[in-house]
């Protein structure tokens, strides 16, 4: 249901971005990618504040219509889970499908129209079959992310009724200490997600090849001035996107600038939480965990990103520079940390630490290792897309001039890879900064920003959680802007 809802949100946007040029088009495209880099715990926090029973929407509706109770009650239900998943994953469908759709040759559509095909028949017989690899690839990736969702289910599910395999693994391992059952359940999840990832990798390779064939046919986009109806549809879709994306995020920012006059009293403007955070003052749980959490997250993120870039670049170079018989299988296994959830990875580290107590005494090192493993598949995809574009003639020319393989890599290929490595490293840093699933399972002594936000939510300190969340939103947005405008992004 979450996958279908994500496609329902993303495909109209893919059509709009691939067919029309209009003021704010680049902004709309950039805005669509913001949820993809936001940590799940931020999404949960924003949804609680925006859609909650005492949230901003219900407060406005109660004030406008003079109601005694909240009219919109979706939290802690299946509707909340599907809405959150859709918000979080629709950019995948929008970006994958639009990138192919805008490259389809217009001559095919013109020929079909000349032969009398109407718009819907043209779409069903000419356009849709060519878009299906992108749609299925997007659906596979979205389904995998929804299948392995953890924080959204843990907080918005509202109890055991909507418990999923990820939440059950966490409950068995952390609460019941039933490691064998958690391990058995993890194996079931691994088999399913690796199968989905194998389908995605094959479709993505086919899609990349198709895009290379179609680039010579790329046609200019139409203008929205061709019809008022198109302009209205674009405005409606843009408004919906802004409402879904910016609403929860702006709610977090707004709540971070408020404080209650009394328990359950009116909120007033205040910089109290930021003063307490940066001055290291204040009282209560917030002041004791916020500043150490920021320091831990920055330290872990920097070193996890460095390790992920080294590991991911090496693996990507190996996959694309050598002809391997089972390349799709190896590529699928290399992407395993992307398909196998971080909860299962955290379970593996949890078991490892129980048998190797010496390693458990260095929790920061273990968290860095876990975060780098979670982030390196994104490095593999990003750097790999650039390696495929480097002409072999450049390497051959250097070797003919007497350069050894190591020197060819250092002087010819590495300078071309550095921009993508930098973009991938920044993205890996953002992933580490927002990671909570694995850390929550195997580490209780080291607090990171997402863990601090989760604990503040549990303590009903939403104002302090929003202050930390605002910092995370700012960093995540800046990281995505750098990554997106670098031109090296590839899912």
Protein backbone atom coordinates (compact mmCIF):
# COMPACT_ATOMS: atom_id res chain seq x y z
CA UNK A 1 0.00 0.00 0.00
CA UNK A 2 2.87 2.38 0.80
CA UNK A 3 4.52 1.62 -2.56
CA UNK A 4 1.31 2.27 -4.49
CA UNK A 5 0.72 5.52 -2.60
CA UNK A 6 4.31 6.64 -3.29
CA UNK A 7 3.85 5.95 -7.02
CA UNK A 8 0.54 7.80 -6.94
CA UNK A 9 2.34 10.85 -5.52
CA UNK A 10 5.45 10.58 -7.69
CA UNK A 11 4.22 9.76 -11.22
CA UNK A 12 2.22 13.01 -11.76
CA UNK A 13 5.32 14.93 -10.72
CA UNK A 14 7.43 12.87 -13.14
CA UNK A 15 5.04 13.83 -15.97
CA UNK A 16 5.13 17.51 -15.05
CA UNK A 17 8.92 17.75 -14.72
CA UNK A 18 9.52 15.81 -17.95
CA UNK A 19 7.06 17.75 -20.14
CA UNK A 20 6.98 21.38 -19.02
CA UNK A 21 9.25 24.28 -18.25
CA UNK A 22 7.88 26.81 -15.78
CA UNK A 23 9.15 29.23 -13.13
CA UNK A 24 10.25 27.29 -10.06
CA UNK A 25 10.79 24.00 -11.93
CA UNK A 26 14.33 23.54 -10.57
CA UNK A 27 13.15 24.46 -7.09
CA UNK A 28 10.32 21.92 -7.30
CA UNK A 29 12.76 19.20 -8.39
CA UNK A 30 15.21 20.07 -5.62
CA UNK A 31 12.38 20.20 -3.07
CA UNK A 32 11.20 16.74 -4.12
CA UNK A 33 14.51 15.24 -3.03
CA UNK A 34 14.57 16.71 0.47
CA UNK A 35 12.62 13.85 2.13
CA UNK A 36 15.04 11.29 0.70
CA UNK A 37 17.95 12.60 2.76
CA UNK A 38 16.02 13.42 5.93
CA UNK A 39 16.50 10.97 8.81
CA UNK A 40 13.32 8.96 9.55
CA UNK A 41 13.22 10.22 13.13
CA UNK A 42 12.86 13.79 11.80
CA UNK A 43 9.98 12.70 9.62
CA UNK A 44 8.32 11.11 12.65
CA UNK A 45 8.83 14.24 14.73
CA UNK A 46 7.46 16.48 11.98
CA UNK A 47 4.40 14.29 11.47
CA UNK A 48 3.57 14.21 15.17
CA UNK A 49 3.76 18.01 15.42
CA UNK A 50 2.01 18.72 12.10
CA UNK A 51 -0.64 15.97 11.95
CA UNK A 52 -0.93 15.09 15.65
CA UNK A 53 -4.10 15.41 17.70
CA UNK A 54 -2.65 18.58 19.23
CA UNK A 55 -0.69 19.43 16.10
CA UNK A 56 -0.72 22.49 13.91
CA UNK A 57 -3.36 21.33 11.42
CA UNK A 58 -5.82 20.29 14.11
CA UNK A 59 -5.19 23.51 16.06
CA UNK A 60 -6.01 25.57 12.95
CA UNK A 61 -9.13 23.52 12.14
CA UNK A 62 -10.39 23.73 15.73
CA UNK A 63 -9.86 27.49 15.80
CA UNK A 64 -11.48 28.12 12.38
CA UNK A 65 -14.52 25.86 12.89
CA UNK A 66 -14.80 26.34 16.69
CA UNK A 67 -14.44 22.62 17.45
CA UNK A 68 -13.97 21.04 20.88
CA UNK A 69 -11.86 18.09 19.74
CA UNK A 70 -9.36 17.39 17.01
CA UNK A 71 -11.17 16.51 13.74
CA UNK A 72 -8.13 14.91 12.07
CA UNK A 73 -7.01 11.79 13.90
CA UNK A 74 -4.52 9.81 11.82
CA UNK A 75 -1.55 9.27 14.13
CA UNK A 76 -0.80 5.79 15.45
CA UNK A 77 -2.73 4.17 12.62
CA UNK A 78 -2.21 2.51 9.25
CA UNK A 79 -3.07 5.81 7.54
CA UNK A 80 -0.21 7.57 9.33
CA UNK A 81 2.26 4.86 8.30
CA UNK A 82 1.23 4.95 4.62
CA UNK A 83 1.23 8.76 4.54
CA UNK A 84 4.70 8.90 6.11
CA UNK A 85 6.06 6.25 3.75
CA UNK A 86 4.59 8.07 0.76
CA UNK A 87 6.10 11.38 1.83
CA UNK A 88 9.47 9.73 2.39
CA UNK A 89 9.70 7.69 -0.83
CA UNK A 90 7.77 9.42 -3.62
CA UNK A 91 10.91 11.35 -4.78
CA UNK A 92 12.37 8.01 -5.92
CA UNK A 93 9.51 7.47 -8.38
CA UNK A 94 9.50 11.12 -9.43
CA UNK A 95 13.22 11.24 -10.21
CA UNK A 96 13.73 7.80 -11.77
CA UNK A 97 10.71 8.03 -14.06
CA UNK A 98 11.11 11.71 -15.03
CA UNK A 99 14.77 11.22 -16.00
CA UNK A 100 13.72 8.58 -18.57
CA UNK A 101 10.44 10.19 -19.61
CA UNK A 102 12.05 13.45 -20.72
CA UNK A 103 14.43 11.51 -22.99
CA UNK A 104 11.81 9.50 -24.88
CA UNK A 105 11.85 10.48 -28.58
CA UNK A 106 8.89 12.71 -29.45
CA UNK A 107 8.91 11.43 -33.04
CA UNK A 108 7.19 8.22 -31.88
CA UNK A 109 4.30 10.15 -30.35
CA UNK A 110 4.01 12.39 -33.41
CA UNK A 111 3.89 9.34 -35.70
CA UNK A 112 1.18 7.72 -33.56
CA UNK A 113 -0.87 10.92 -33.56
CA UNK A 114 -0.52 11.16 -37.34
CA UNK A 115 -1.95 7.63 -37.59
CA UNK A 116 -4.94 8.68 -35.50
CA UNK A 117 -4.00 7.46 -32.02
CA UNK A 118 -5.74 9.34 -29.24
CA UNK A 119 -3.92 10.52 -26.13
CA UNK A 120 -4.72 7.58 -23.84
CA UNK A 121 -4.03 4.96 -26.51
CA UNK A 122 -0.77 6.70 -27.33
CA UNK A 123 0.22 6.60 -23.68
CA UNK A 124 -0.75 2.95 -23.14
CA UNK A 125 0.84 1.58 -26.32
CA UNK A 126 3.85 3.86 -26.93
CA UNK A 127 4.92 5.65 -23.76
CA UNK A 128 4.02 3.28 -20.91
CA UNK A 129 5.91 0.21 -22.25
CA UNK A 130 9.09 2.30 -22.46
CA UNK A 131 8.55 3.69 -18.95
CA UNK A 132 7.84 0.32 -17.32
CA UNK A 133 11.52 -0.50 -16.49
CA UNK A 134 11.82 2.82 -14.64
CA UNK A 135 8.45 2.40 -12.90
CA UNK A 136 9.21 -1.18 -11.80
CA UNK A 137 12.72 -0.19 -10.67
CA UNK A 138 11.28 2.68 -8.63
CA UNK A 139 8.55 0.44 -7.19
CA UNK A 140 11.13 -2.22 -6.23
CA UNK A 141 13.32 0.31 -4.44
CA UNK A 142 10.35 1.97 -2.70
CA UNK A 143 8.95 -1.40 -1.62
CA UNK A 144 12.33 -2.38 -0.17
CA UNK A 145 12.59 0.85 1.81
CA UNK A 146 9.02 0.48 3.10
CA UNK A 147 9.60 -3.19 3.90
CA UNK A 148 12.68 -2.33 5.98
CA UNK A 149 11.14 0.77 7.59
CA UNK A 150 11.70 0.87 11.33
CA UNK A 151 11.52 4.25 13.05
CA UNK A 152 8.27 5.20 11.30
CA UNK A 153 6.58 1.96 12.38
CA UNK A 154 8.09 2.07 15.86
CA UNK A 155 6.69 5.51 16.67
CA UNK A 156 3.68 5.97 14.37
CA UNK A 157 2.44 2.36 14.45
CA UNK A 158 0.94 2.81 17.88
CA UNK A 159 1.64 -0.66 19.26
CA UNK A 160 1.78 -4.33 18.24
CA UNK A 161 -1.16 -4.14 15.84
CA UNK A 162 1.01 -2.76 13.02
CA UNK A 163 4.28 -4.35 14.11
CA UNK A 164 6.46 -5.30 11.13
CA UNK A 165 9.35 -7.71 10.75
CA UNK A 166 11.89 -4.97 11.58
CA UNK A 167 10.12 -3.91 14.78
CA UNK A 168 9.72 -7.56 15.78
CA UNK A 169 13.46 -8.20 15.31
CA UNK A 170 14.18 -5.22 17.55
CA UNK A 171 11.66 -6.39 20.18
CA UNK A 172 13.01 -9.96 20.23
CA UNK A 173 16.66 -8.87 20.44
CA UNK A 174 16.44 -5.86 22.73
CA UNK A 175 13.42 -6.52 24.94
CA UNK A 176 13.01 -10.30 25.06
CA UNK A 177 16.72 -11.08 24.48
CA UNK A 178 15.58 -13.94 22.23
CA UNK A 179 18.55 -13.76 19.85
CA UNK A 180 17.88 -17.07 17.97
CA UNK A 181 14.35 -16.00 17.04
CA UNK A 182 15.55 -12.54 16.03
CA UNK A 183 18.27 -14.14 13.90
CA UNK A 184 15.82 -16.51 12.19
CA UNK A 185 13.47 -13.64 11.42
CA UNK A 186 16.42 -11.65 10.05
CA UNK A 187 17.31 -14.45 7.63
CA UNK A 188 13.78 -14.40 6.23
CA UNK A 189 14.01 -10.62 5.73
CA UNK A 190 17.46 -10.89 4.11
CA UNK A 191 16.29 -13.42 1.52
CA UNK A 192 13.30 -11.28 0.59
CA UNK A 193 15.17 -7.96 0.37
CA UNK A 194 18.13 -9.39 -1.57
CA UNK A 195 15.67 -10.79 -4.13
CA UNK A 196 14.11 -7.35 -4.49
CA UNK A 197 17.54 -5.74 -4.81
CA UNK A 198 18.56 -8.21 -7.54
CA UNK A 199 15.48 -7.19 -9.56
CA UNK A 200 16.27 -3.51 -9.01
CA UNK A 201 19.93 -3.85 -10.08
CA UNK A 202 19.00 -5.65 -13.31
CA UNK A 203 16.33 -3.07 -14.13
CA UNK A 204 18.63 -0.17 -13.26
CA UNK A 205 21.38 -1.50 -15.55
CA UNK A 206 18.83 -1.89 -18.35
CA UNK A 207 17.49 1.59 -17.64
CA UNK A 208 20.97 3.17 -17.76
CA UNK A 209 21.61 1.49 -21.14
CA UNK A 210 18.25 2.68 -22.47
CA UNK A 211 18.99 6.24 -21.34
CA UNK A 212 22.33 6.17 -23.16
CA UNK A 213 20.50 5.11 -26.36
CA UNK A 214 17.85 7.80 -26.00
CA UNK A 215 20.02 10.81 -25.16
CA UNK A 216 20.48 11.63 -28.86
CA UNK A 217 16.68 11.88 -29.21
CA UNK A 218 16.22 14.28 -26.30
CA UNK A 219 13.59 16.87 -27.19
CA UNK A 220 13.04 20.32 -25.70
CA UNK A 221 10.35 20.56 -23.08
CA UNK A 222 7.07 22.28 -23.75
CA UNK A 223 5.99 25.46 -22.00
CA UNK A 224 3.13 25.75 -19.54
CA UNK A 225 1.90 28.76 -21.49
CA UNK A 226 0.41 26.34 -24.06
CA UNK A 227 -2.65 25.97 -21.84
CA UNK A 228 -4.18 27.40 -18.70
CA UNK A 229 -5.34 23.93 -17.64
CA UNK A 230 -1.74 22.67 -17.48
CA UNK A 231 -0.73 25.66 -15.38
CA UNK A 232 -3.54 24.97 -12.89
CA UNK A 233 -2.56 21.28 -12.59
CA UNK A 234 1.09 22.19 -12.02
CA UNK A 235 0.09 24.76 -9.40
CA UNK A 236 -2.11 22.22 -7.59
CA UNK A 237 0.62 19.57 -7.60
CA UNK A 238 3.26 22.06 -6.46
CA UNK A 239 0.98 23.21 -3.64
CA UNK A 240 0.40 19.61 -2.54
CA UNK A 241 4.15 18.92 -2.55
CA UNK A 242 4.90 22.05 -0.55
CA UNK A 243 2.16 21.14 1.94
CA UNK A 244 3.40 17.56 2.41
CA UNK A 245 7.13 18.34 2.44
CA UNK A 246 7.45 21.77 4.01
CA UNK A 247 4.53 21.42 6.44
CA UNK A 248 6.16 18.89 8.80
CA UNK A 249 9.61 20.46 8.42
CA UNK A 250 8.45 24.01 9.10
CA UNK A 251 6.47 22.68 12.06
CA UNK A 252 9.71 21.38 13.58
CA UNK A 253 11.45 24.71 12.99
CA UNK A 254 8.51 26.68 14.42
CA UNK A 255 8.19 24.52 17.54
CA UNK A 256 11.95 24.86 18.21
CA UNK A 257 11.42 28.62 18.55
CA UNK A 258 8.71 28.28 21.20
CA UNK A 259 8.39 27.41 24.85
CA UNK A 260 5.29 26.84 26.99
CA UNK A 261 4.43 29.46 29.63
CA UNK A 262 3.26 26.65 31.89
CA UNK A 263 2.60 22.93 31.73
CA UNK A 264 -0.07 22.61 29.05
CA UNK A 265 -0.17 26.40 28.69
CA UNK A 266 0.17 28.69 25.68
CA UNK A 267 3.39 28.63 23.64
CA UNK A 268 5.38 31.84 23.23
CA UNK A 269 8.36 32.76 21.05
CA UNK A 270 11.67 31.90 22.70
CA UNK A 271 15.28 31.00 21.89
CA UNK A 272 15.60 29.11 25.16
CA UNK A 273 16.43 25.73 23.60
CA UNK A 274 19.19 27.11 21.40
CA UNK A 275 20.65 29.15 24.26
CA UNK A 276 20.66 26.06 26.49
CA UNK A 277 22.18 24.00 23.69
CA UNK A 278 25.09 26.23 22.66
CA UNK A 279 25.78 27.66 26.11
CA UNK A 280 25.70 24.22 27.72
CA UNK A 281 23.34 25.56 30.38
CA UNK A 282 19.81 24.81 31.42
CA UNK A 283 18.38 21.97 33.38
CA UNK A 284 16.74 18.67 32.69
CA UNK A 285 17.31 15.95 30.15
CA UNK A 286 17.78 18.27 27.16
CA UNK A 287 20.87 20.08 28.40
CA UNK A 288 22.54 16.85 29.51
CA UNK A 289 22.29 14.95 26.22
CA UNK A 290 22.02 17.51 23.39
CA UNK A 291 25.58 18.87 23.21
CA UNK A 292 27.34 15.49 23.64
CA UNK A 293 25.01 14.03 20.99
CA UNK A 294 26.04 16.69 18.46
CA UNK A 295 29.74 16.08 19.17
CA UNK A 296 29.34 12.31 18.83
CA UNK A 297 27.36 12.59 15.59
CA UNK A 298 29.90 14.92 13.95
CA UNK A 299 32.84 12.73 14.97
CA UNK A 300 31.15 9.51 13.84
CA UNK A 301 29.87 11.08 10.61
CA UNK A 302 33.26 12.39 9.47
CA UNK A 303 35.12 9.13 9.97
CA UNK A 304 32.25 6.95 8.73
CA UNK A 305 32.11 9.02 5.52
CA UNK A 306 35.88 8.69 4.98
CA UNK A 307 35.73 4.93 5.47
CA UNK A 308 32.65 4.62 3.22
CA UNK A 309 34.32 6.58 0.40
CA UNK A 310 37.46 4.41 0.53
CA UNK A 311 35.48 1.16 0.63
CA UNK A 312 32.81 2.21 -1.88
CA UNK A 313 35.24 3.67 -4.43
CA UNK A 314 37.46 0.58 -4.31
CA UNK A 315 34.52 -1.78 -4.79
CA UNK A 316 32.97 0.34 -7.54
CA UNK A 317 36.27 0.49 -9.44
CA UNK A 318 36.64 -3.29 -9.19
CA UNK A 319 33.10 -3.89 -10.46
CA UNK A 320 33.35 -1.57 -13.47
CA UNK A 321 36.96 -2.09 -14.55
CA UNK A 322 36.96 -5.89 -14.67
CA UNK A 323 34.69 -8.12 -16.72
CA UNK A 324 33.10 -10.51 -14.28
CA UNK A 325 30.93 -13.48 -15.25
CA UNK A 326 28.38 -12.97 -12.46
CA UNK A 327 28.52 -9.19 -12.34
CA UNK A 328 24.81 -8.72 -11.54
CA UNK A 329 25.07 -11.13 -8.60
CA UNK A 330 28.23 -9.45 -7.25
CA UNK A 331 26.65 -6.03 -7.76
CA UNK A 332 23.59 -7.20 -5.83
CA UNK A 333 25.72 -8.52 -2.95
CA UNK A 334 27.73 -5.30 -2.89
CA UNK A 335 24.45 -3.43 -2.39
CA UNK A 336 23.38 -5.75 0.43
CA UNK A 337 23.71 -3.08 3.16
CA UNK A 338 21.26 -0.98 1.16
CA UNK A 339 18.72 -3.80 0.92
CA UNK A 340 19.36 -5.51 4.26
CA UNK A 341 17.96 -3.18 6.88
CA UNK A 342 20.18 -1.41 9.38
CA UNK A 343 18.15 -3.13 12.14
CA UNK A 344 19.50 -6.49 10.95
CA UNK A 345 22.97 -5.01 10.65
CA UNK A 346 22.61 -3.70 14.20
CA UNK A 347 21.58 -7.18 15.33
CA UNK A 348 24.77 -8.57 13.79
CA UNK A 349 26.89 -6.05 15.67
CA UNK A 350 24.89 -6.74 18.83
CA UNK A 351 25.73 -10.46 18.60
CA UNK A 352 29.35 -9.64 17.76
CA UNK A 353 29.75 -7.39 20.77
CA UNK A 354 28.37 -10.08 23.08
CA UNK A 355 31.14 -12.45 21.98
CA UNK A 356 33.91 -9.84 21.71
CA UNK A 357 33.66 -7.68 24.83
CA UNK A 358 36.98 -5.94 24.07
CA UNK A 359 35.42 -4.37 20.98
CA UNK A 360 32.33 -3.43 22.96
CA UNK A 361 34.51 -1.21 25.16
CA UNK A 362 35.02 1.07 22.12
CA UNK A 363 31.44 1.92 21.08
CA UNK A 364 32.44 4.86 18.85
CA UNK A 365 34.61 2.60 16.67
CA UNK A 366 31.79 0.08 16.34
CA UNK A 367 29.27 2.78 15.39
CA UNK A 368 31.68 4.22 12.81
CA UNK A 369 32.08 0.76 11.27
CA UNK A 370 28.31 0.20 11.19
CA UNK A 371 27.57 3.63 9.69
CA UNK A 372 30.24 3.23 7.00
CA UNK A 373 28.78 -0.14 5.98
CA UNK A 374 25.30 1.43 5.76
CA UNK A 375 26.58 4.36 3.65
CA UNK A 376 29.06 2.78 1.25
CA UNK A 377 26.46 1.39 -1.24
CA UNK A 378 25.49 4.98 -2.05
CA UNK A 379 29.18 5.67 -2.74
CA UNK A 380 29.30 2.62 -5.02
CA UNK A 381 26.35 3.88 -7.09
CA UNK A 382 27.53 7.49 -7.25
CA UNK A 383 31.18 6.80 -8.13
CA UNK A 384 30.21 3.92 -10.43
CA UNK A 385 28.08 6.22 -12.58
CA UNK A 386 31.21 8.34 -13.24
CA UNK A 387 33.55 5.40 -13.81
CA UNK A 388 31.24 4.16 -16.58
CA UNK A 389 31.55 7.54 -18.32
CA UNK A 390 35.37 7.63 -18.37
CA UNK A 391 36.51 6.76 -21.89
CA UNK A 392 38.86 3.73 -22.06
CA UNK A 393 40.88 5.63 -24.68
CA UNK A 394 42.25 7.90 -21.95
CA UNK A 395 43.63 4.93 -20.05
CA UNK A 396 44.99 3.28 -23.20
CA UNK A 397 46.76 6.47 -24.25
CA UNK A 398 48.44 6.79 -20.84
CA UNK A 399 49.57 3.14 -20.92
CA UNK A 400 50.97 3.55 -24.45
CA UNK A 401 53.04 6.44 -23.12
CA UNK A 402 54.55 4.09 -20.51
CA UNK A 403 52.37 4.73 -17.45
CA UNK A 404 51.86 1.78 -15.12
CA UNK A 405 48.31 0.82 -13.97
CA UNK A 406 48.72 2.53 -10.60
CA UNK A 407 50.03 5.69 -12.23
CA UNK A 408 47.15 5.64 -14.76
CA UNK A 409 44.66 5.55 -11.89
CA UNK A 410 46.44 8.27 -9.92
CA UNK A 411 47.00 10.73 -12.77
CA UNK A 412 44.11 10.05 -15.17
CA UNK A 413 41.14 8.43 -13.43
CA UNK A 414 41.38 9.71 -9.86
CA UNK A 415 41.16 13.44 -10.84
CA UNK A 416 37.99 12.62 -12.80
CA UNK A 417 36.53 10.68 -9.85
CA UNK A 418 37.30 13.23 -7.13
CA UNK A 419 34.14 15.38 -7.62
CA UNK A 420 31.87 12.31 -7.38
CA UNK A 421 33.86 10.99 -4.41
CA UNK A 422 33.41 14.32 -2.66
CA UNK A 423 29.66 14.38 -3.35
CA UNK A 424 29.34 10.75 -2.21
CA UNK A 425 31.33 11.50 0.95
CA UNK A 426 29.02 14.39 1.82
CA UNK A 427 25.98 12.18 1.27
CA UNK A 428 27.54 9.39 3.38
CA UNK A 429 28.10 11.96 6.14
CA UNK A 430 24.40 12.89 6.01
CA UNK A 431 23.38 9.23 6.17
CA UNK A 432 25.57 8.69 9.23
CA UNK A 433 24.24 11.85 10.86
CA UNK A 434 20.65 10.61 10.59
CA UNK A 435 21.16 6.89 11.28
CA UNK A 436 19.27 5.58 14.29
CA UNK A 437 18.18 1.99 13.58
CA UNK A 438 21.46 0.10 14.03
CA UNK A 439 22.68 2.40 16.81
CA UNK A 440 19.46 2.01 18.77
CA UNK A 441 19.77 -1.77 18.69
CA UNK A 442 23.39 -2.36 19.69
CA UNK A 443 24.50 0.80 21.49
CA UNK A 444 22.97 2.31 24.61
CA UNK A 445 26.03 4.14 25.95
CA UNK A 446 26.75 6.49 23.01
CA UNK A 447 24.11 9.09 22.23
CA UNK A 448 23.85 10.57 18.73
CA UNK A 449 21.51 13.32 17.50
CA UNK A 450 18.76 10.91 16.27
CA UNK A 451 18.97 8.90 19.51
CA UNK A 452 18.71 12.09 21.54
CA UNK A 453 15.66 13.18 19.51
CA UNK A 454 14.06 9.76 20.03
CA UNK A 455 14.61 9.92 23.79
CA UNK A 456 13.33 13.50 24.00
CA UNK A 457 10.17 12.45 22.12
CA UNK A 458 9.76 9.59 24.60
CA UNK A 459 10.07 12.12 27.43
CA UNK A 460 7.47 14.40 25.69
CA UNK A 461 10.06 17.18 25.38
CA UNK A 462 9.02 18.06 21.83
CA UNK A 463 10.51 21.56 22.05
CA UNK A 464 14.02 20.29 22.78
CA UNK A 465 13.61 17.53 20.18
CA UNK A 466 12.63 20.16 17.61
CA UNK A 467 15.71 22.28 18.40
CA UNK A 468 17.97 19.30 17.71
CA UNK A 469 15.82 18.36 14.74
CA UNK A 470 16.17 21.84 13.25
CA UNK A 471 19.94 21.51 13.29
CA UNK A 472 19.61 18.15 11.55
CA UNK A 473 17.20 19.60 8.95
CA UNK A 474 19.64 22.42 8.16
CA UNK A 475 22.61 20.07 7.73
CA UNK A 476 20.61 17.53 5.69
CA UNK A 477 19.24 20.22 3.37
CA UNK A 478 22.69 21.72 2.76
CA UNK A 479 24.14 18.27 2.11
CA UNK A 480 21.42 17.40 -0.37
CA UNK A 481 21.81 20.74 -2.19
CA UNK A 482 25.54 20.09 -2.66
CA UNK A 483 24.91 16.48 -3.71
CA UNK A 484 22.05 17.33 -6.09
CA UNK A 485 23.69 20.27 -7.84
CA UNK A 486 26.98 18.37 -8.23
CA UNK A 487 25.25 16.42 -11.00
CA UNK A 488 26.68 13.11 -9.76
CA UNK A 489 23.58 11.75 -8.03
CA UNK A 490 22.33 8.35 -9.13
CA UNK A 491 19.94 6.11 -7.24
